[in-house]
Amino acid sequence: MKEIKATIQPHMTERVIEALHELHAFPGVTVFKCQGQGRGKGRGGAFVVTEDEVGFAPKERLEIVCEDALAEAIVPLIAEKAHTGNPGDGIITVTTVNHHIRIRTGEGRQPGAEE
């Protein structure tokens, strides 16, 4: 299994979510409002801390846990739908999930369980 974390511009979230819902077997998504700065170091390209403003831009983070094969479809879809071509478009990371448990049903992959 894979965990996909995508930090994107807030105005692109609806577009990305609509595209994800069109995927067969889409497992669901969690969305967080957040702030951040990338390589551009904030507004104007220079990171300058002031008392009033640190220079973080509003972002939204999407988190999805899915089967490996589905991740291969989800990642390029997010990259395409969240792309504006402007600085601050965001970043997508993919990590391996070693174990997971569904709280309601108790089903999932236990640590040490065979694949």
Protein backbone atom coordinates (compact mmCIF):
# COMPACT_ATOMS: atom_id res chain seq x y z
CA MET A 1 0.00 0.00 0.00
CA LYS A 2 0.99 3.61 -0.55
CA GLU A 3 0.28 6.87 1.18
CA ILE A 4 0.03 9.87 -1.12
CA LYS A 5 0.37 13.37 0.33
CA ALA A 6 -0.27 16.25 -2.03
CA THR A 7 0.10 19.86 -0.93
CA ILE A 8 -1.70 22.03 -3.48
CA GLN A 9 -3.13 25.50 -3.99
CA PRO A 10 -6.53 25.80 -2.27
CA HIS A 11 -8.37 26.93 -5.41
CA MET A 12 -7.33 23.68 -7.18
CA THR A 13 -8.75 21.31 -4.54
CA GLU A 14 -12.25 20.99 -5.98
CA ARG A 15 -10.87 20.28 -9.46
CA VAL A 16 -8.55 17.57 -8.09
CA ILE A 17 -11.26 15.95 -5.93
CA GLU A 18 -13.73 15.83 -8.84
CA ALA A 19 -11.13 14.06 -10.99
CA LEU A 20 -10.30 11.60 -8.19
CA HIS A 21 -13.98 10.69 -7.81
CA GLU A 22 -14.01 9.59 -11.45
CA LEU A 23 -11.43 6.87 -10.72
CA HIS A 24 -12.77 3.36 -10.32
CA ALA A 25 -12.17 2.09 -6.75
CA PHE A 26 -11.13 5.51 -5.41
CA PRO A 27 -10.49 4.84 -1.68
CA GLY A 28 -11.26 8.30 -0.29
CA VAL A 29 -9.25 11.34 0.75
CA THR A 30 -8.61 13.49 3.80
CA VAL A 31 -8.14 17.23 3.23
CA PHE A 32 -6.35 19.60 5.61
CA LYS A 33 -6.02 23.37 5.44
CA CYS A 34 -2.40 24.33 6.00
CA GLN A 35 0.25 26.95 5.26
CA GLY A 36 3.71 26.65 3.83
CA GLN A 37 6.53 27.96 1.78
CA GLY A 38 8.59 26.22 -0.84
CA ARG A 39 11.89 26.84 -2.55
CA GLY A 40 10.70 30.33 -3.51
CA LYS A 41 10.81 31.20 0.20
CA GLY A 42 7.46 32.96 0.32
CA ARG A 43 5.95 35.96 -1.39
CA GLY A 44 8.35 37.90 -3.58
CA GLY A 45 10.95 35.11 -3.64
CA ALA A 46 12.83 36.19 -0.52
CA PHE A 47 12.12 34.92 2.96
CA VAL A 48 12.00 37.87 5.35
CA VAL A 49 10.55 37.39 8.82
CA THR A 50 8.63 40.34 10.19
CA GLU A 51 6.61 40.67 13.37
CA ASP A 52 3.35 40.67 11.41
CA GLU A 53 3.94 38.04 8.76
CA VAL A 54 6.15 35.00 8.31
CA GLY A 55 5.35 34.71 4.61
CA PHE A 56 3.52 31.39 4.48
CA ALA A 57 1.04 30.85 1.68
CA PRO A 58 -2.30 29.08 2.26
CA LYS A 59 -2.32 25.50 0.96
CA GLU A 60 -4.41 22.38 1.24
CA ARG A 61 -3.01 18.91 1.85
CA LEU A 62 -4.69 15.83 0.46
CA GLU A 63 -3.85 12.47 2.03
CA ILE A 64 -4.82 9.20 0.36
CA VAL A 65 -3.95 5.61 1.33
CA CYS A 66 -4.41 3.13 -1.51
CA GLU A 67 -3.15 0.01 -3.22
CA ASP A 68 0.12 0.37 -5.13
CA ALA A 69 -1.49 0.04 -8.57
CA LEU A 70 -4.04 2.74 -7.81
CA ALA A 71 -1.28 5.10 -6.65
CA GLU A 72 0.20 4.87 -10.16
CA ALA A 73 -3.03 6.40 -11.48
CA ILE A 74 -3.65 8.88 -8.66
CA VAL A 75 -0.27 10.64 -8.60
CA PRO A 76 -0.21 11.78 -12.26
CA LEU A 77 -3.88 12.74 -12.03
CA ILE A 78 -3.22 15.04 -9.07
CA ALA A 79 -0.16 16.50 -10.79
CA GLU A 80 -2.18 17.26 -13.92
CA LYS A 81 -5.27 18.69 -12.21
CA ALA A 82 -3.35 20.80 -9.64
CA HIS A 83 -0.95 22.28 -12.21
CA THR A 84 -1.21 26.01 -12.90
CA GLY A 85 2.36 26.63 -14.03
CA ASN A 86 2.80 29.27 -11.34
CA PRO A 87 5.19 29.16 -8.39
CA GLY A 88 3.64 27.43 -5.40
CA ASP A 89 1.73 24.75 -7.33
CA GLY A 90 2.73 22.29 -4.60
CA ILE A 91 4.35 18.92 -4.11
CA ILE A 92 3.31 15.26 -4.07
CA THR A 93 5.05 12.65 -1.94
CA VAL A 94 4.45 8.90 -1.95
CA THR A 95 5.51 6.57 0.85
CA THR A 96 5.02 2.89 1.57
CA VAL A 97 2.49 1.95 4.26
CA ASN A 98 3.77 -0.98 6.33
CA HIS A 99 0.53 -1.59 8.17
CA HIS A 100 -2.93 -0.12 8.59
CA ILE A 101 -6.10 -0.90 10.52
CA ARG A 102 -9.65 0.24 9.70
CA ILE A 103 -10.99 1.43 13.04
CA ARG A 104 -14.62 0.49 12.37
CA THR A 105 -14.02 -3.05 11.06
CA GLY A 106 -10.59 -3.93 12.46
CA GLU A 107 -9.53 -5.15 9.02
CA GLY A 108 -6.17 -4.27 7.57
CA ARG A 109 -2.58 -5.29 7.30
CA GLN A 110 -1.02 -6.05 10.68
CA PRO A 111 2.69 -5.57 11.45
CA GLY A 112 4.54 -8.78 10.63
CA ALA A 113 1.63 -10.20 8.62
CA GLU A 114 2.47 -12.00 5.41
CA GLU A 115 1.82 -10.19 2.15
